[in-house]
Protein backbone atom coordinates (compact mmCIF):
# COMPACT_ATOMS: atom_id res chain seq x y z
CA MET A 1 0.07 -0.23 0.35
CA ALA A 2 1.55 3.39 -1.33
CA ILE A 3 0.11 6.44 0.30
CA HIS A 4 1.21 10.14 -0.40
CA GLY A 5 -0.07 13.31 1.72
CA ARG A 6 0.83 15.99 3.16
CA CYS A 7 1.25 16.21 7.06
CA TRP A 8 0.08 17.45 10.17
CA LYS A 9 2.85 17.55 12.80
CA PHE A 10 2.35 17.37 16.29
CA GLY A 11 4.84 16.62 19.34
CA ASP A 12 5.13 13.94 22.52
CA ASN A 13 3.26 12.89 24.92
CA ILE A 14 -0.21 13.62 23.06
CA PRO A 15 -3.35 11.56 25.20
CA THR A 16 -5.90 9.93 23.83
CA ASP A 17 -7.82 12.97 25.90
CA GLU A 18 -6.67 15.76 24.15
CA ILE A 19 -7.24 12.97 20.62
CA VAL A 20 -10.60 13.34 21.78
CA ARG A 21 -11.55 15.33 24.79
CA SER A 22 -14.00 14.01 27.65
CA GLU A 23 -16.57 16.96 26.60
CA ARG A 24 -16.72 14.71 23.28
CA VAL A 25 -16.67 10.96 24.17
CA LEU A 26 -20.99 10.81 23.78
CA LEU A 27 -20.92 12.75 19.97
CA SER A 28 -21.12 10.57 17.15
CA ILE A 29 -17.90 9.65 15.00
CA PRO A 30 -17.99 12.44 12.68
CA GLU A 31 -18.72 14.95 15.35
CA MET A 32 -15.90 14.00 17.10
CA ALA A 33 -14.13 14.02 14.40
CA GLU A 34 -15.22 17.67 13.76
CA HIS A 35 -12.54 18.56 17.00
CA VAL A 36 -10.15 15.78 16.98
CA LEU A 37 -6.93 17.56 18.48
CA GLU A 38 -8.37 20.94 18.09
CA ASN A 39 -6.44 22.00 21.13
CA LEU A 40 -3.72 21.19 20.15
CA ASN A 41 -3.98 22.62 16.89
CA PRO A 42 -7.84 24.14 15.83
CA GLU A 43 -6.86 24.23 12.34
CA PHE A 44 -6.58 20.20 12.38
CA PRO A 45 -10.00 19.19 12.46
CA LYS A 46 -11.36 22.30 10.30
CA SER A 47 -8.31 21.93 7.09
CA VAL A 48 -7.07 17.78 7.51
CA GLN A 49 -8.64 16.27 3.80
CA LYS A 50 -8.82 12.96 3.01
CA GLY A 51 -5.15 11.45 2.79
CA ASP A 52 -3.63 13.95 4.95
CA ILE A 53 -0.67 12.24 6.89
CA LEU A 54 -0.38 12.45 10.46
CA VAL A 55 2.84 12.97 12.07
CA ALA A 56 3.35 13.14 16.10
CA GLY A 57 6.74 12.09 18.23
CA LYS A 58 6.22 10.13 21.48
CA HIS A 59 4.28 8.12 23.34
CA PHE A 60 1.52 9.36 21.02
CA GLY A 61 -2.21 7.87 22.55
CA GLN A 62 -0.86 7.25 26.34
CA SER A 63 -2.96 7.85 29.45
CA SER A 64 -6.63 6.38 29.56
CA GLY A 65 -6.67 3.89 26.23
CA ARG A 66 -9.67 6.47 24.58
CA ALA A 67 -10.65 3.89 21.73
CA VAL A 68 -12.95 6.01 19.71
CA ALA A 69 -9.64 8.39 19.51
CA PRO A 70 -8.43 6.52 16.91
CA LYS A 71 -11.85 6.43 15.46
CA ALA A 72 -12.37 9.33 15.37
CA LEU A 73 -8.40 9.66 13.76
CA GLN A 74 -9.75 7.89 10.94
CA ALA A 75 -13.29 9.37 10.25
CA THR A 76 -11.02 12.81 10.06
CA GLY A 77 -9.92 11.02 6.34
CA ILE A 78 -5.98 10.44 8.07
CA ALA A 79 -4.42 7.99 5.65
CA VAL A 80 -1.59 7.10 8.17
CA ILE A 81 -0.47 7.98 11.69
CA ILE A 82 3.12 7.73 11.74
CA VAL A 83 5.13 8.42 15.37
CA GLU A 84 8.64 7.54 16.47
CA TYR A 85 6.51 5.63 19.74
CA ALA A 86 2.94 5.16 20.01
CA ALA A 87 0.90 4.14 23.35
CA ARG A 88 0.84 -0.12 22.64
CA LEU A 89 -3.21 -0.15 23.47
CA PHE A 90 -3.92 2.73 20.51
CA TYR A 91 -1.28 1.09 18.55
CA ARG A 92 -3.20 -2.09 18.73
CA ASN A 93 -6.54 0.02 18.44
CA CYS A 94 -5.72 1.03 15.31
CA PHE A 95 -5.37 -2.26 13.64
CA GLU A 96 -8.45 -3.56 14.63
CA ILE A 97 -10.01 -0.90 12.76
CA GLY A 98 -7.40 -0.73 10.05
CA LEU A 99 -6.42 2.41 10.29
CA PRO A 100 -2.80 2.52 8.72
CA LEU A 101 0.50 3.29 12.08
CA LEU A 102 4.33 2.84 11.68
CA GLU A 103 6.70 3.72 14.60
CA CYS A 104 9.42 5.63 12.11
CA PRO A 105 12.76 6.67 14.53
CA GLY A 106 13.60 10.01 14.13
CA ILE A 107 10.86 11.17 12.09
CA ASN A 108 9.15 14.27 14.20
CA ALA A 109 12.61 15.76 13.94
CA GLY A 110 12.82 15.41 9.97
CA VAL A 111 9.58 17.15 8.68
CA GLU A 112 6.84 20.10 9.14
CA ASP A 113 3.58 20.74 8.84
CA GLY A 114 2.61 21.04 5.28
CA ASP A 115 5.37 18.64 3.93
CA THR A 116 4.46 15.93 1.16
CA LEU A 117 4.83 13.06 2.57
CA SER A 118 5.11 9.43 0.53
CA VAL A 119 4.81 6.14 2.63
CA ASP A 120 5.76 2.46 1.11
CA MET A 121 3.25 0.78 4.22
CA ALA A 122 4.87 -2.83 3.21
CA SER A 123 9.06 -1.07 3.09
CA GLY A 124 8.14 0.43 5.73
CA ILE A 125 9.66 3.69 4.34
CA VAL A 126 8.58 7.18 4.59
CA VAL A 127 10.57 10.20 1.97
CA ASN A 128 10.04 13.63 2.52
CA GLU A 129 9.19 14.66 -0.78
CA SER A 130 9.32 18.32 0.15
CA ARG A 131 13.36 17.86 1.68
CA GLY A 132 14.90 15.10 0.15
CA THR A 133 14.78 13.28 3.16
CA THR A 134 14.03 9.04 3.65
CA PHE A 135 13.33 7.53 7.14
CA GLN A 136 12.70 3.82 7.59
CA ALA A 137 9.92 2.94 10.34
CA LYS A 138 9.63 -0.17 12.21
CA ALA A 139 8.55 -3.32 10.13
CA ILE A 140 4.69 -4.48 11.58
CA ASP A 141 3.74 -7.61 12.97
CA PRO A 142 2.77 -10.07 10.12
CA PHE A 143 -0.64 -10.74 12.01
CA LEU A 144 -0.99 -7.05 12.66
CA ARG A 145 -0.65 -6.04 8.77
CA GLU A 146 -2.19 -8.94 7.39
CA MET A 147 -5.42 -7.83 10.19
CA LEU A 148 -4.57 -3.71 9.02
CA ASP A 149 -4.30 -5.38 5.15
CA LEU A 150 -8.02 -7.11 5.38
CA GLY A 151 -9.79 -4.08 7.07
CA GLY A 152 -9.28 -4.31 10.68
CA LEU A 153 -10.50 -6.77 13.79
CA ILE A 154 -13.98 -7.65 12.49
CA PRO A 155 -12.67 -8.45 8.73
CA MET A 156 -10.67 -10.21 9.76
CA ALA A 157 -12.28 -12.61 11.96
CA GLN A 158 -15.47 -12.50 9.00
CA ARG A 159 -12.64 -14.37 7.08
CA LEU A 160 -11.56 -16.88 9.57
CA ALA A 161 -14.75 -17.82 10.75
CA GLU A 162 -15.69 -18.81 6.72
CA GLY A 163 -12.51 -20.49 6.78
CA SER A 164 -13.24 -22.68 9.37
């Protein structure tokens, strides 16, 4: 899977409570998407477009493990999340809904808002076309890769049920 899009850059230690604020968790997913990350960048929910790429630093999605946070991000249309390091529960939640996430050392220092990025999910190579730099993301576990390729946990379970 090849992805090409605009970069939205965020920093370190972003908890799920900042992705989706507590006062928004009972809204519908599309309504949550209208406010996702708004306290960190008010322009993000207003201007993010389908195919854009979210880049962040260390410990992205930490804290409460709010399962709606990846769903709200997916509803914005972002194509992939690339972080230095993701909280484990957030990481798994992304794959379970079919939202690609890569952990890529050095990525946050190597991009700026608005840069154009190309991502090869199979190889984990991330190219910042605006700056001419290349990064290598960590490999995705084959089980999680298959889950992602099938569109998430539910499609994977359906496939497994049909095969048994």
